[in-house]
C-alpha atoms as a PDB file:
ATOM      1  CA  MET A   1      55.471 -38.503 116.477  1.00  0.00           C
ATOM      2  CA  ILE A   2      52.605 -36.005 116.584  1.00  0.00           C
ATOM      3  CA  ARG A   3      53.238 -35.091 112.931  1.00  0.00           C
ATOM      4  CA  LYS A   4      52.721 -38.711 111.919  1.00  0.00           C
ATOM      5  CA  ALA A   5      49.413 -38.782 113.806  1.00  0.00           C
ATOM      6  CA  ILE A   6      48.022 -35.641 112.090  1.00  0.00           C
ATOM      7  CA  PRO A   7      46.149 -37.491 109.288  1.00  0.00           C
ATOM      8  CA  ASN A   8      44.408 -39.779 111.793  1.00  0.00           C
ATOM      9  CA  ILE A   9      43.635 -36.826 114.093  1.00  0.00           C
ATOM     10  CA  LEU A  10      41.943 -35.061 111.167  1.00  0.00           C
ATOM     11  CA  THR A  11      39.960 -38.207 110.385  1.00  0.00           C
ATOM     12  CA  ILE A  12      38.798 -38.539 114.002  1.00  0.00           C
ATOM     13  CA  PHE A  13      37.949 -34.811 114.053  1.00  0.00           C
ATOM     14  CA  ARG A  14      35.542 -35.403 111.157  1.00  0.00           C
ATOM     15  CA  ILE A  15      33.754 -38.125 113.116  1.00  0.00           C
ATOM     16  CA  VAL A  16      33.529 -36.057 116.314  1.00  0.00           C
ATOM     17  CA  ALA A  17      32.420 -32.897 114.447  1.00  0.00           C
ATOM     18  CA  THR A  18      29.475 -34.597 112.718  1.00  0.00           C
ATOM     19  CA  PRO A  19      27.116 -35.006 115.734  1.00  0.00           C
ATOM     20  CA  ILE A  20      27.953 -31.454 116.848  1.00  0.00           C
ATOM     21  CA  ILE A  21      27.003 -30.089 113.405  1.00  0.00           C
ATOM     22  CA  ILE A  22      23.755 -32.081 113.484  1.00  0.00           C
ATOM     23  CA  TRP A  23      22.946 -30.907 117.027  1.00  0.00           C
ATOM     24  CA  PHE A  24      23.577 -27.253 116.148  1.00  0.00           C
ATOM     25  CA  LEU A  25      21.420 -27.467 113.007  1.00  0.00           C
ATOM     26  CA  LEU A  26      18.484 -29.392 114.488  1.00  0.00           C
ATOM     27  CA  GLY A  27      18.628 -28.343 118.130  1.00  0.00           C
ATOM     28  CA  PHE A  28      18.714 -24.583 117.669  1.00  0.00           C
ATOM     29  CA  ASP A  29      16.855 -22.019 115.600  1.00  0.00           C
ATOM     30  CA  ASN A  30      19.572 -19.405 115.814  1.00  0.00           C
ATOM     31  CA  PHE A  31      21.487 -17.797 112.960  1.00  0.00           C
ATOM     32  CA  TYR A  32      24.804 -17.600 114.835  1.00  0.00           C
ATOM     33  CA  ILE A  33      24.708 -21.225 115.988  1.00  0.00           C
ATOM     34  CA  HIS A  34      23.857 -22.298 112.436  1.00  0.00           C
ATOM     35  CA  LEU A  35      26.745 -20.156 111.218  1.00  0.00           C
ATOM     36  CA  VAL A  36      29.069 -21.994 113.617  1.00  0.00           C
ATOM     37  CA  ALA A  37      27.694 -25.283 112.248  1.00  0.00           C
ATOM     38  CA  PHE A  38      28.460 -24.075 108.709  1.00  0.00           C
ATOM     39  CA  PHE A  39      32.081 -23.243 109.560  1.00  0.00           C
ATOM     40  CA  LEU A  40      32.490 -26.464 111.538  1.00  0.00           C
ATOM     41  CA  PHE A  41      31.301 -28.337 108.450  1.00  0.00           C
ATOM     42  CA  LEU A  42      33.759 -26.304 106.362  1.00  0.00           C
ATOM     43  CA  LEU A  43      36.626 -27.384 108.629  1.00  0.00           C
ATOM     44  CA  ALA A  44      35.445 -31.002 108.582  1.00  0.00           C
ATOM     45  CA  SER A  45      35.225 -31.042 104.792  1.00  0.00           C
ATOM     46  CA  LEU A  46      38.696 -29.483 104.496  1.00  0.00           C
ATOM     47  CA  SER A  47      40.045 -32.163 106.843  1.00  0.00           C
ATOM     48  CA  ASP A  48      38.729 -34.697 104.317  1.00  0.00           C
ATOM     49  CA  LEU A  49      40.820 -32.990 101.644  1.00  0.00           C
ATOM     50  CA  PHE A  50      44.023 -32.642 103.643  1.00  0.00           C
ATOM     51  CA  ASP A  51      44.286 -35.837 105.698  1.00  0.00           C
ATOM     52  CA  GLY A  52      45.092 -37.964 102.654  1.00  0.00           C
ATOM     53  CA  ILE A  53      47.498 -35.380 101.229  1.00  0.00           C
ATOM     54  CA  ILE A  54      49.343 -35.075 104.546  1.00  0.00           C
ATOM     55  CA  ALA A  55      49.505 -38.856 104.975  1.00  0.00           C
ATOM     56  CA  ARG A  56      51.110 -39.252 101.550  1.00  0.00           C
ATOM     57  CA  ARG A  57      53.492 -36.312 102.050  1.00  0.00           C
ATOM     58  CA  LEU A  58      54.682 -37.667 105.416  1.00  0.00           C
ATOM     59  CA  ALA A  59      54.653 -41.251 104.119  1.00  0.00           C
ATOM     60  CA  VAL A  60      52.463 -42.357 107.029  1.00  0.00           C
ATOM     61  CA  VAL A  61      49.646 -44.072 105.130  1.00  0.00           C
ATOM     62  CA  SER A  62      48.316 -46.661 107.593  1.00  0.00           C
ATOM     63  CA  GLU A  63      45.762 -49.468 107.573  1.00  0.00           C
ATOM     64  CA  PHE A  64      43.851 -47.517 110.232  1.00  0.00           C
ATOM     65  CA  GLY A  65      43.740 -44.485 107.935  1.00  0.00           C
ATOM     66  CA  LYS A  66      42.725 -46.545 104.896  1.00  0.00           C
ATOM     67  CA  PHE A  67      39.795 -47.957 106.861  1.00  0.00           C
ATOM     68  CA  MET A  68      38.744 -44.966 108.960  1.00  0.00           C
ATOM     69  CA  ASP A  69      39.127 -42.199 106.357  1.00  0.00           C
ATOM     70  CA  PRO A  70      36.301 -43.400 104.046  1.00  0.00           C
ATOM     71  CA  LEU A  71      34.199 -44.300 107.110  1.00  0.00           C
ATOM     72  CA  ALA A  72      34.633 -40.785 108.545  1.00  0.00           C
ATOM     73  CA  ASP A  73      33.666 -39.332 105.155  1.00  0.00           C
ATOM     74  CA  LYS A  74      30.481 -41.387 105.100  1.00  0.00           C
ATOM     75  CA  ILE A  75      29.559 -40.397 108.668  1.00  0.00           C
ATOM     76  CA  LEU A  76      29.939 -36.694 107.820  1.00  0.00           C
ATOM     77  CA  VAL A  77      28.184 -36.896 104.440  1.00  0.00           C
ATOM     78  CA  ASN A  78      25.303 -39.132 105.555  1.00  0.00           C
ATOM     79  CA  GLY A  79      24.759 -37.172 108.755  1.00  0.00           C
ATOM     80  CA  THR A  80      24.665 -33.877 106.886  1.00  0.00           C
ATOM     81  CA  PHE A  81      22.377 -35.110 104.099  1.00  0.00           C
ATOM     82  CA  ILE A  82      19.928 -36.647 106.581  1.00  0.00           C
ATOM     83  CA  THR A  83      19.922 -33.400 108.572  1.00  0.00           C
ATOM     84  CA  LEU A  84      19.305 -31.282 105.467  1.00  0.00           C
ATOM     85  CA  ASN A  85      16.503 -33.656 104.522  1.00  0.00           C
ATOM     86  CA  ILE A  86      14.906 -33.272 107.979  1.00  0.00           C
ATOM     87  CA  LEU A  87      15.150 -29.509 107.476  1.00  0.00           C
ATOM     88  CA  ASP A  88      13.299 -30.024 104.150  1.00  0.00           C
ATOM     89  CA  ILE A  89      16.130 -28.621 102.030  1.00  0.00           C
ATOM     90  CA  VAL A  90      17.533 -31.652 100.213  1.00  0.00           C
ATOM     91  CA  PRO A  91      14.979 -33.992  98.540  1.00  0.00           C
ATOM     92  CA  VAL A  92      14.413 -37.304 100.306  1.00  0.00           C
ATOM     93  CA  TRP A  93      15.246 -39.376  97.208  1.00  0.00           C
ATOM     94  CA  ILE A  94      18.765 -37.935  97.069  1.00  0.00           C
ATOM     95  CA  THR A  95      19.322 -38.601 100.772  1.00  0.00           C
ATOM     96  CA  ALA A  96      18.052 -42.173 100.310  1.00  0.00           C
ATOM     97  CA  ILE A  97      20.460 -42.781  97.412  1.00  0.00           C
ATOM     98  CA  VAL A  98      23.409 -41.350  99.384  1.00  0.00           C
ATOM     99  CA  VAL A  99      22.667 -43.438 102.496  1.00  0.00           C
ATOM    100  CA  PHE A 100      21.901 -46.668 100.618  1.00  0.00           C
ATOM    101  CA  ARG A 101      24.920 -46.347  98.318  1.00  0.00           C
ATOM    102  CA  ASP A 102      27.323 -45.671 101.187  1.00  0.00           C
ATOM    103  CA  ALA A 103      25.923 -48.537 103.276  1.00  0.00           C
ATOM    104  CA  ALA A 104      26.226 -50.955 100.343  1.00  0.00           C
ATOM    105  CA  VAL A 105      29.756 -49.868  99.395  1.00  0.00           C
ATOM    106  CA  THR A 106      30.873 -50.007 103.050  1.00  0.00           C
ATOM    107  CA  MET A 107      29.592 -53.600 103.370  1.00  0.00           C
ATOM    108  CA  LEU A 108      31.421 -54.481 100.151  1.00  0.00           C
ATOM    109  CA  ARG A 109      34.605 -52.834 101.464  1.00  0.00           C
ATOM    110  CA  TRP A 110      34.380 -54.782 104.762  1.00  0.00           C
ATOM    111  CA  GLY A 111      33.748 -57.992 102.858  1.00  0.00           C
ATOM    112  CA  MET A 112      36.798 -57.394 100.682  1.00  0.00           C
ATOM    113  CA  LEU A 113      38.929 -56.561 103.734  1.00  0.00           C
ATOM    114  CA  SER A 114      37.904 -59.883 105.286  1.00  0.00           C
ATOM    115  CA  GLN A 115      39.294 -61.505 102.127  1.00  0.00           C
ATOM    116  CA  GLY A 116      42.537 -59.572 102.436  1.00  0.00           C
ATOM    117  CA  GLN A 117      41.649 -57.257  99.562  1.00  0.00           C
ATOM    118  CA  SER A 118      41.425 -53.467  99.536  1.00  0.00           C
ATOM    119  CA  MET A 119      39.124 -51.234  97.524  1.00  0.00           C
ATOM    120  CA  GLU A 120      40.719 -48.292  95.782  1.00  0.00           C
ATOM    121  CA  THR A 121      38.874 -44.994  95.256  1.00  0.00           C
ATOM    122  CA  SER A 122      37.993 -44.494  91.597  1.00  0.00           C
ATOM    123  CA  ARG A 123      38.183 -41.246  89.647  1.00  0.00           C
ATOM    124  CA  VAL A 124      34.410 -41.305  89.226  1.00  0.00           C
ATOM    125  CA  ALA A 125      34.034 -41.380  93.018  1.00  0.00           C
ATOM    126  CA  LYS A 126      35.934 -38.095  93.243  1.00  0.00           C
ATOM    127  CA  TRP A 127      33.248 -36.480  91.066  1.00  0.00           C
ATOM    128  CA  LYS A 128      30.640 -37.942  93.409  1.00  0.00           C
ATOM    129  CA  THR A 129      32.404 -36.403  96.391  1.00  0.00           C
ATOM    130  CA  THR A 130      32.652 -33.029  94.632  1.00  0.00           C
ATOM    131  CA  PHE A 131      28.942 -32.896  93.801  1.00  0.00           C
ATOM    132  CA  GLN A 132      27.947 -34.106  97.259  1.00  0.00           C
ATOM    133  CA  TYR A 133      29.942 -31.349  98.951  1.00  0.00           C
ATOM    134  CA  ILE A 134      28.583 -28.705  96.569  1.00  0.00           C
ATOM    135  CA  SER A 135      25.053 -29.876  97.432  1.00  0.00           C
ATOM    136  CA  MET A 136      25.769 -29.812 101.158  1.00  0.00           C
ATOM    137  CA  TYR A 137      27.296 -26.332 100.983  1.00  0.00           C
ATOM    138  CA  LEU A 138      24.258 -25.094  99.032  1.00  0.00           C
ATOM    139  CA  GLY A 139      21.943 -26.718 101.579  1.00  0.00           C
ATOM    140  CA  LEU A 140      23.758 -25.181 104.546  1.00  0.00           C
ATOM    141  CA  LEU A 141      23.743 -21.809 102.794  1.00  0.00           C
ATOM    142  CA  MET A 142      19.963 -22.123 102.454  1.00  0.00           C
ATOM    143  CA  VAL A 143      19.719 -22.811 106.215  1.00  0.00           C
ATOM    144  CA  LEU A 144      21.518 -19.525 106.881  1.00  0.00           C
ATOM    145  CA  LEU A 145      19.446 -17.554 104.364  1.00  0.00           C
ATOM    146  CA  TYR A 146      16.189 -18.697 105.983  1.00  0.00           C
ATOM    147  CA  HIS A 147      17.116 -16.572 109.006  1.00  0.00           C
ATOM    148  CA  TRP A 148      16.855 -13.344 107.003  1.00  0.00           C
ATOM    149  CA  PRO A 149      13.194 -12.404 106.317  1.00  0.00           C
ATOM    150  CA  GLN A 150      14.292  -9.635 103.958  1.00  0.00           C
ATOM    151  CA  LEU A 151      15.904 -12.296 101.759  1.00  0.00           C
ATOM    152  CA  GLN A 152      12.861 -14.582 101.494  1.00  0.00           C
ATOM    153  CA  ASP A 153      12.171 -13.593  97.891  1.00  0.00           C
ATOM    154  CA  PHE A 154      15.789 -14.402  97.063  1.00  0.00           C
ATOM    155  CA  VAL A 155      15.495 -17.738  98.901  1.00  0.00           C
ATOM    156  CA  ILE A 156      12.345 -18.631  96.946  1.00  0.00           C
ATOM    157  CA  TRP A 157      14.128 -17.693  93.729  1.00  0.00           C
ATOM    158  CA  LEU A 158      17.083 -19.925  94.690  1.00  0.00           C
ATOM    159  CA  GLU A 159      14.767 -22.837  95.468  1.00  0.00           C
ATOM    160  CA  GLU A 160      13.029 -22.506  92.128  1.00  0.00           C
ATOM    161  CA  TRP A 161      16.219 -21.798  90.163  1.00  0.00           C
ATOM    162  CA  SER A 162      17.027 -24.775  87.978  1.00  0.00           C
ATOM    163  CA  PHE A 163      20.745 -24.601  88.887  1.00  0.00           C
ATOM    164  CA  ILE A 164      20.202 -25.833  92.456  1.00  0.00           C
ATOM    165  CA  THR A 165      17.671 -28.455  91.343  1.00  0.00           C
ATOM    166  CA  THR A 166      20.147 -29.623  88.702  1.00  0.00           C
ATOM    167  CA  ILE A 167      23.035 -29.832  91.193  1.00  0.00           C
ATOM    168  CA  PHE A 168      20.910 -31.870  93.623  1.00  0.00           C
ATOM    169  CA  ALA A 169      19.727 -34.170  90.805  1.00  0.00           C
ATOM    170  CA  LEU A 170      23.254 -34.664  89.429  1.00  0.00           C
ATOM    171  CA  THR A 171      24.451 -35.468  92.937  1.00  0.00           C
ATOM    172  CA  GLY A 172      21.860 -38.240  93.242  1.00  0.00           C
ATOM    173  CA  ILE A 173      22.568 -39.633  89.767  1.00  0.00           C
ATOM    174  CA  ILE A 174      26.373 -39.601  90.123  1.00  0.00           C
ATOM    175  CA  THR A 175      26.140 -41.120  93.620  1.00  0.00           C
ATOM    176  CA  ALA A 176      23.978 -43.978  92.311  1.00  0.00           C
ATOM    177  CA  TYR A 177      26.294 -44.507  89.333  1.00  0.00           C
ATOM    178  CA  THR A 178      29.443 -44.712  91.465  1.00  0.00           C
ATOM    179  CA  GLY A 179      27.778 -47.259  93.726  1.00  0.00           C
ATOM    180  CA  ALA A 180      26.914 -49.453  90.746  1.00  0.00           C
ATOM    181  CA  HIS A 181      30.415 -48.877  89.343  1.00  0.00           C
ATOM    182  CA  TYR A 182      32.087 -50.121  92.544  1.00  0.00           C
ATOM    183  CA  PHE A 183      30.022 -53.310  92.511  1.00  0.00           C
ATOM    184  CA  TRP A 184      30.713 -53.895  88.806  1.00  0.00           C
ATOM    185  CA  VAL A 185      34.474 -53.381  89.088  1.00  0.00           C
ATOM    186  CA  ASN A 186      34.654 -55.592  92.194  1.00  0.00           C
ATOM    187  CA  ARG A 187      32.137 -58.167  90.964  1.00  0.00           C
ATOM    188  CA  LYS A 188      34.615 -61.063  91.259  1.00  0.00           C
ATOM    189  CA  ALA A 189      35.329 -60.228  94.892  1.00  0.00           C
ATOM    190  CA  LEU A 190      31.582 -59.823  95.495  1.00  0.00           C
ATOM    191  CA  LYS A 191      30.917 -63.258  94.018  1.00  0.00           C
ATOM    192  CA  VAL A 192      33.478 -64.807  96.370  1.00  0.00           C
ATOM    193  CA  ILE A 193      31.941 -63.001  99.369  1.00  0.00           C
ATOM    194  CA  LEU A 194      28.395 -64.101  98.480  1.00  0.00           C
ATOM    195  CA  THR A 195      29.362 -67.743  97.983  1.00  0.00           C
ATOM    196  CA  GLN A 196      30.949 -68.063 101.428  1.00  0.00           C
END
């Protein structure tokens, strides 16, 4: 019985972990607490990877999981991006795209569910998730590096290095594209929702 509940436990863990990560990052200016936040985020992001795999392996894919899994992902991702924006690490325009896109897609998903339809994750969305997590890991790494004065030159170099800027920019562009893609693919369902 517990085995069958593992995917949902991992999903709930992601939701519970998010405010703790935010609190540790914003409420403390301490390297070790920020390090704990980094590893807590690592565990939360890995739970995102494994809950779906475990659910399919155990054949316990549920309606609760289908609904809560993407919601838990959005809570973790949005919370982390907003926090990194407050810490002046991730540009505000990227955070705005991530938050707006997720809010819009979530409303579309709820609208489709009310019509008895489900929204499947597209392959393009997996690229979006990959780039978002890379950006968040880079941002959290920057938080840790700021605690080491002897590494400030390296931090400045990282901030100015086009690789990080490119990753952040690609994250924003791919996130915006996947949002538009979801609405285009589900345009018939959207039309039905809007006309009711």
